[in-house]
């Protein structure tokens, strides 16, 4: 069923087959491994994590995913493409993505906490608006299966040190709720992917 669902999703998006890096990433993630995907710009990195996350949601309705982007604009771009993929694949009953950041209206935040099973945010919001209130997010953290860190080449210097601390804190909170999520890290737009 999972393979057929992946093929259905791809066909709905007008894609006949995956590139090798996408298929390798899908297989590694479905096998439970942490991965780093470093490819060129516009090489289909997001499918590397969207497909296994969506396949997992088809299998396990309690599963959750956290997508972190260094900027709000990137999160909203990804939300749009993810929503299109979900709609084209007929997965609206299983996949409920939402952005949660400083622009999320206060009255909408409780609904996002209750309903979203794919949460798109940024490290600052995770640090200031989610982790300090982890008890309100207990159900989300208990089911957290995936953490996607996109644009990892931007996490360097002081900002990178801050994000590393936030990720360690996230891991402690996850352990508190009995979760041990896989990390999927992605990067593009750099000339030295292997060193990264």
C-alpha atoms as a PDB file:
ATOM      1  CA  UNK A   1       0.000   0.000   0.000  1.00  0.00           C
ATOM      2  CA  UNK A   2       2.794   2.444   0.823  1.00  0.00           C
ATOM      3  CA  UNK A   3       4.484   2.054  -2.531  1.00  0.00           C
ATOM      4  CA  UNK A   4       1.192   2.463  -4.348  1.00  0.00           C
ATOM      5  CA  UNK A   5       0.472   5.584  -2.268  1.00  0.00           C
ATOM      6  CA  UNK A   6       3.871   7.048  -3.123  1.00  0.00           C
ATOM      7  CA  UNK A   7       3.265   6.351  -6.799  1.00  0.00           C
ATOM      8  CA  UNK A   8      -0.207   7.897  -6.547  1.00  0.00           C
ATOM      9  CA  UNK A   9       1.230  11.023  -4.953  1.00  0.00           C
ATOM     10  CA  UNK A  10       3.904  11.324  -7.607  1.00  0.00           C
ATOM     11  CA  UNK A  11       1.476  10.772 -10.471  1.00  0.00           C
ATOM     12  CA  UNK A  12      -0.896  13.379  -9.034  1.00  0.00           C
ATOM     13  CA  UNK A  13       1.993  15.866  -9.063  1.00  0.00           C
ATOM     14  CA  UNK A  14       2.898  14.958 -12.659  1.00  0.00           C
ATOM     15  CA  UNK A  15       6.038  13.008 -11.713  1.00  0.00           C
ATOM     16  CA  UNK A  16       6.676   9.626 -13.309  1.00  0.00           C
ATOM     17  CA  UNK A  17       9.668   8.563 -11.214  1.00  0.00           C
ATOM     18  CA  UNK A  18      11.943   9.770  -8.446  1.00  0.00           C
ATOM     19  CA  UNK A  19      15.518  10.881  -8.974  1.00  0.00           C
ATOM     20  CA  UNK A  20      18.064   8.571  -7.389  1.00  0.00           C
ATOM     21  CA  UNK A  21      18.748  10.880  -4.415  1.00  0.00           C
ATOM     22  CA  UNK A  22      15.009  11.091  -3.731  1.00  0.00           C
ATOM     23  CA  UNK A  23      14.512   7.330  -3.874  1.00  0.00           C
ATOM     24  CA  UNK A  24      17.605   6.734  -1.701  1.00  0.00           C
ATOM     25  CA  UNK A  25      16.405   9.301   0.851  1.00  0.00           C
ATOM     26  CA  UNK A  26      12.909   7.789   0.887  1.00  0.00           C
ATOM     27  CA  UNK A  27      14.291   4.299   1.497  1.00  0.00           C
ATOM     28  CA  UNK A  28      16.701   5.465   4.211  1.00  0.00           C
ATOM     29  CA  UNK A  29      14.037   7.458   6.036  1.00  0.00           C
ATOM     30  CA  UNK A  30      11.488   4.644   5.838  1.00  0.00           C
ATOM     31  CA  UNK A  31      14.211   2.343   7.249  1.00  0.00           C
ATOM     32  CA  UNK A  32      14.429   4.642  10.295  1.00  0.00           C
ATOM     33  CA  UNK A  33      17.784   6.284   9.618  1.00  0.00           C
ATOM     34  CA  UNK A  34      18.699   9.914  10.202  1.00  0.00           C
ATOM     35  CA  UNK A  35      19.672  11.497   6.885  1.00  0.00           C
ATOM     36  CA  UNK A  36      21.348  14.554   5.441  1.00  0.00           C
ATOM     37  CA  UNK A  37      20.362  15.477   1.896  1.00  0.00           C
ATOM     38  CA  UNK A  38      22.737  17.905   0.175  1.00  0.00           C
ATOM     39  CA  UNK A  39      21.802  18.567  -3.432  1.00  0.00           C
ATOM     40  CA  UNK A  40      21.600  21.419  -5.876  1.00  0.00           C
ATOM     41  CA  UNK A  41      18.927  24.063  -5.788  1.00  0.00           C
ATOM     42  CA  UNK A  42      15.567  23.007  -7.248  1.00  0.00           C
ATOM     43  CA  UNK A  43      16.524  19.316  -7.212  1.00  0.00           C
ATOM     44  CA  UNK A  44      13.387  18.127  -5.421  1.00  0.00           C
ATOM     45  CA  UNK A  45      14.721  18.035  -1.847  1.00  0.00           C
ATOM     46  CA  UNK A  46      11.290  18.581  -0.345  1.00  0.00           C
ATOM     47  CA  UNK A  47       9.953  15.377  -1.892  1.00  0.00           C
ATOM     48  CA  UNK A  48      12.757  13.569  -0.050  1.00  0.00           C
ATOM     49  CA  UNK A  49      11.005  14.297   3.224  1.00  0.00           C
ATOM     50  CA  UNK A  50       7.379  14.937   2.189  1.00  0.00           C
ATOM     51  CA  UNK A  51       6.942  11.433   0.752  1.00  0.00           C
ATOM     52  CA  UNK A  52       8.154   9.389   3.754  1.00  0.00           C
ATOM     53  CA  UNK A  53       6.335  11.686   6.190  1.00  0.00           C
ATOM     54  CA  UNK A  54       3.073  11.308   4.261  1.00  0.00           C
ATOM     55  CA  UNK A  55       3.582   7.546   3.931  1.00  0.00           C
ATOM     56  CA  UNK A  56       4.045   7.331   7.699  1.00  0.00           C
ATOM     57  CA  UNK A  57       0.857   9.330   8.294  1.00  0.00           C
ATOM     58  CA  UNK A  58      -1.005   6.815   6.131  1.00  0.00           C
ATOM     59  CA  UNK A  59       0.270   4.035   8.409  1.00  0.00           C
ATOM     60  CA  UNK A  60       0.062   5.758  11.780  1.00  0.00           C
ATOM     61  CA  UNK A  61      -2.504   8.437  12.570  1.00  0.00           C
ATOM     62  CA  UNK A  62      -0.689   9.332  15.807  1.00  0.00           C
ATOM     63  CA  UNK A  63       2.558  10.241  13.977  1.00  0.00           C
ATOM     64  CA  UNK A  64       3.695  13.861  13.909  1.00  0.00           C
ATOM     65  CA  UNK A  65       6.369  15.793  12.004  1.00  0.00           C
ATOM     66  CA  UNK A  66       8.092  19.094  12.732  1.00  0.00           C
ATOM     67  CA  UNK A  67       9.562  21.023   9.806  1.00  0.00           C
ATOM     68  CA  UNK A  68      11.978  23.814  10.764  1.00  0.00           C
ATOM     69  CA  UNK A  69      13.065  26.512   8.329  1.00  0.00           C
ATOM     70  CA  UNK A  70      15.408  29.439   9.038  1.00  0.00           C
ATOM     71  CA  UNK A  71      12.832  31.958   7.755  1.00  0.00           C
ATOM     72  CA  UNK A  72       9.048  32.297   7.875  1.00  0.00           C
ATOM     73  CA  UNK A  73       8.818  32.829   4.125  1.00  0.00           C
ATOM     74  CA  UNK A  74      10.397  29.418   3.461  1.00  0.00           C
ATOM     75  CA  UNK A  75       7.903  27.750   5.802  1.00  0.00           C
ATOM     76  CA  UNK A  76       4.953  29.329   3.997  1.00  0.00           C
ATOM     77  CA  UNK A  77       6.380  28.350   0.583  1.00  0.00           C
ATOM     78  CA  UNK A  78       6.697  24.758   1.760  1.00  0.00           C
ATOM     79  CA  UNK A  79       3.222  24.833   3.305  1.00  0.00           C
ATOM     80  CA  UNK A  80       1.765  25.783  -0.078  1.00  0.00           C
ATOM     81  CA  UNK A  81       3.549  23.009  -1.967  1.00  0.00           C
ATOM     82  CA  UNK A  82       2.750  20.460   0.757  1.00  0.00           C
ATOM     83  CA  UNK A  83      -0.937  21.400   0.723  1.00  0.00           C
ATOM     84  CA  UNK A  84      -1.041  20.978  -3.062  1.00  0.00           C
ATOM     85  CA  UNK A  85       0.602  17.551  -2.797  1.00  0.00           C
ATOM     86  CA  UNK A  86      -1.854  16.499  -0.086  1.00  0.00           C
ATOM     87  CA  UNK A  87      -4.839  17.722  -2.083  1.00  0.00           C
ATOM     88  CA  UNK A  88      -3.690  16.081  -5.323  1.00  0.00           C
ATOM     89  CA  UNK A  89      -3.022  12.832  -3.485  1.00  0.00           C
ATOM     90  CA  UNK A  90      -6.367  12.838  -1.685  1.00  0.00           C
ATOM     91  CA  UNK A  91      -4.707  12.798   1.742  1.00  0.00           C
ATOM     92  CA  UNK A  92      -6.592  15.639   3.431  1.00  0.00           C
ATOM     93  CA  UNK A  93      -8.112  13.207   5.947  1.00  0.00           C
ATOM     94  CA  UNK A  94      -4.660  12.047   7.101  1.00  0.00           C
ATOM     95  CA  UNK A  95      -2.297  14.990   6.642  1.00  0.00           C
ATOM     96  CA  UNK A  96      -3.023  18.280   8.384  1.00  0.00           C
ATOM     97  CA  UNK A  97      -0.117  20.715   7.963  1.00  0.00           C
ATOM     98  CA  UNK A  98      -0.009  24.165   9.561  1.00  0.00           C
ATOM     99  CA  UNK A  99       2.468  26.961  10.141  1.00  0.00           C
ATOM    100  CA  UNK A 100       3.069  28.064  13.701  1.00  0.00           C
ATOM    101  CA  UNK A 101       5.130  31.216  14.065  1.00  0.00           C
ATOM    102  CA  UNK A 102       4.929  34.799  15.213  1.00  0.00           C
ATOM    103  CA  UNK A 103       2.387  35.554  12.474  1.00  0.00           C
ATOM    104  CA  UNK A 104      -0.033  32.842  13.594  1.00  0.00           C
ATOM    105  CA  UNK A 105      -3.081  34.571  15.036  1.00  0.00           C
ATOM    106  CA  UNK A 106      -3.503  34.005  18.767  1.00  0.00           C
ATOM    107  CA  UNK A 107      -7.017  32.618  18.382  1.00  0.00           C
ATOM    108  CA  UNK A 108      -5.765  30.026  15.846  1.00  0.00           C
ATOM    109  CA  UNK A 109      -2.899  28.670  17.948  1.00  0.00           C
ATOM    110  CA  UNK A 110      -4.903  26.217  20.106  1.00  0.00           C
ATOM    111  CA  UNK A 111      -6.423  24.694  16.950  1.00  0.00           C
ATOM    112  CA  UNK A 112      -2.975  24.269  15.410  1.00  0.00           C
ATOM    113  CA  UNK A 113      -1.735  22.563  18.589  1.00  0.00           C
ATOM    114  CA  UNK A 114      -4.702  20.185  18.611  1.00  0.00           C
ATOM    115  CA  UNK A 115      -5.011  19.386  14.924  1.00  0.00           C
ATOM    116  CA  UNK A 116      -1.756  19.777  13.006  1.00  0.00           C
ATOM    117  CA  UNK A 117       0.219  16.610  12.459  1.00  0.00           C
ATOM    118  CA  UNK A 118       2.814  18.362  10.283  1.00  0.00           C
ATOM    119  CA  UNK A 119       3.971  21.563  11.957  1.00  0.00           C
ATOM    120  CA  UNK A 120       6.043  24.086  10.002  1.00  0.00           C
ATOM    121  CA  UNK A 121       7.955  26.623  12.073  1.00  0.00           C
ATOM    122  CA  UNK A 122      11.377  28.144  12.698  1.00  0.00           C
ATOM    123  CA  UNK A 123      14.004  27.696  15.424  1.00  0.00           C
ATOM    124  CA  UNK A 124      13.125  30.959  17.183  1.00  0.00           C
ATOM    125  CA  UNK A 125       9.441  30.065  17.501  1.00  0.00           C
ATOM    126  CA  UNK A 126      10.380  26.570  18.667  1.00  0.00           C
ATOM    127  CA  UNK A 127      12.598  28.185  21.325  1.00  0.00           C
ATOM    128  CA  UNK A 128      10.206  30.917  22.446  1.00  0.00           C
ATOM    129  CA  UNK A 129       6.701  29.756  21.636  1.00  0.00           C
ATOM    130  CA  UNK A 130       6.657  25.959  21.721  1.00  0.00           C
ATOM    131  CA  UNK A 131       9.288  24.392  24.002  1.00  0.00           C
ATOM    132  CA  UNK A 132       8.525  26.599  27.046  1.00  0.00           C
ATOM    133  CA  UNK A 133       4.897  25.451  26.765  1.00  0.00           C
ATOM    134  CA  UNK A 134       5.637  21.806  25.993  1.00  0.00           C
ATOM    135  CA  UNK A 135       2.855  20.569  28.288  1.00  0.00           C
ATOM    136  CA  UNK A 136       0.325  22.167  25.917  1.00  0.00           C
ATOM    137  CA  UNK A 137       2.042  20.293  23.078  1.00  0.00           C
ATOM    138  CA  UNK A 138       2.254  16.956  24.925  1.00  0.00           C
ATOM    139  CA  UNK A 139       0.244  15.034  22.318  1.00  0.00           C
ATOM    140  CA  UNK A 140       2.323  16.449  19.501  1.00  0.00           C
ATOM    141  CA  UNK A 141       5.643  15.639  21.177  1.00  0.00           C
ATOM    142  CA  UNK A 142       4.507  12.143  22.183  1.00  0.00           C
ATOM    143  CA  UNK A 143       3.861  11.304  18.533  1.00  0.00           C
ATOM    144  CA  UNK A 144       6.812  13.203  17.030  1.00  0.00           C
ATOM    145  CA  UNK A 145       8.441  10.885  14.498  1.00  0.00           C
ATOM    146  CA  UNK A 146      10.314  13.331  12.244  1.00  0.00           C
ATOM    147  CA  UNK A 147      12.203  16.592  12.621  1.00  0.00           C
ATOM    148  CA  UNK A 148      13.115  18.196   9.320  1.00  0.00           C
ATOM    149  CA  UNK A 149      15.841  20.850   9.409  1.00  0.00           C
ATOM    150  CA  UNK A 150      15.918  22.570   6.049  1.00  0.00           C
ATOM    151  CA  UNK A 151      18.657  24.881   4.774  1.00  0.00           C
ATOM    152  CA  UNK A 152      21.153  23.531   7.331  1.00  0.00           C
ATOM    153  CA  UNK A 153      24.012  25.425   5.690  1.00  0.00           C
ATOM    154  CA  UNK A 154      22.520  28.596   7.226  1.00  0.00           C
ATOM    155  CA  UNK A 155      22.924  27.254  10.775  1.00  0.00           C
ATOM    156  CA  UNK A 156      26.473  28.410  11.480  1.00  0.00           C
ATOM    157  CA  UNK A 157      28.192  30.909  13.721  1.00  0.00           C
ATOM    158  CA  UNK A 158      26.187  32.320  16.621  1.00  0.00           C
ATOM    159  CA  UNK A 159      22.878  31.444  14.955  1.00  0.00           C
ATOM    160  CA  UNK A 160      24.071  27.858  14.441  1.00  0.00           C
ATOM    161  CA  UNK A 161      25.137  27.573  18.084  1.00  0.00           C
ATOM    162  CA  UNK A 162      21.713  28.841  19.146  1.00  0.00           C
ATOM    163  CA  UNK A 163      19.928  26.338  16.895  1.00  0.00           C
ATOM    164  CA  UNK A 164      22.123  23.480  18.164  1.00  0.00           C
ATOM    165  CA  UNK A 165      21.079  24.334  21.729  1.00  0.00           C
ATOM    166  CA  UNK A 166      17.414  24.497  20.739  1.00  0.00           C
ATOM    167  CA  UNK A 167      17.651  21.113  19.009  1.00  0.00           C
ATOM    168  CA  UNK A 168      19.238  19.550  22.113  1.00  0.00           C
ATOM    169  CA  UNK A 169      16.421  21.013  24.191  1.00  0.00           C
ATOM    170  CA  UNK A 170      13.876  19.634  21.705  1.00  0.00           C
ATOM    171  CA  UNK A 171      15.433  16.179  22.067  1.00  0.00           C
ATOM    172  CA  UNK A 172      15.162  16.363  25.874  1.00  0.00           C
ATOM    173  CA  UNK A 173      11.479  17.343  25.635  1.00  0.00           C
ATOM    174  CA  UNK A 174      10.856  14.501  23.181  1.00  0.00           C
ATOM    175  CA  UNK A 175      12.488  11.997  25.546  1.00  0.00           C
ATOM    176  CA  UNK A 176      10.277  13.329  28.342  1.00  0.00           C
ATOM    177  CA  UNK A 177       7.216  12.350  26.257  1.00  0.00           C
ATOM    178  CA  UNK A 178       8.695   9.021  25.141  1.00  0.00           C
ATOM    179  CA  UNK A 179       9.555  10.064  21.577  1.00  0.00           C
ATOM    180  CA  UNK A 180      12.800   9.693  19.668  1.00  0.00           C
ATOM    181  CA  UNK A 181      12.298  11.403  16.307  1.00  0.00           C
ATOM    182  CA  UNK A 182      14.361  10.873  13.188  1.00  0.00           C
ATOM    183  CA  UNK A 183      16.229  13.896  11.913  1.00  0.00           C
ATOM    184  CA  UNK A 184      16.099  14.745   8.232  1.00  0.00           C
ATOM    185  CA  UNK A 185      18.473  17.554   7.324  1.00  0.00           C
ATOM    186  CA  UNK A 186      18.582  19.259   3.941  1.00  0.00           C
ATOM    187  CA  UNK A 187      20.817  21.752   2.218  1.00  0.00           C
ATOM    188  CA  UNK A 188      21.294  23.243  -1.214  1.00  0.00           C
ATOM    189  CA  UNK A 189      23.015  26.222  -2.798  1.00  0.00           C
ATOM    190  CA  UNK A 190      26.520  25.309  -1.740  1.00  0.00           C
ATOM    191  CA  UNK A 191      29.583  24.023  -3.514  1.00  0.00           C
ATOM    192  CA  UNK A 192      30.869  21.626  -0.837  1.00  0.00           C
ATOM    193  CA  UNK A 193      28.015  19.281   0.125  1.00  0.00           C
ATOM    194  CA  UNK A 194      30.273  16.413   1.185  1.00  0.00           C
ATOM    195  CA  UNK A 195      32.191  18.567   3.703  1.00  0.00           C
ATOM    196  CA  UNK A 196      28.909  19.919   5.047  1.00  0.00           C
END
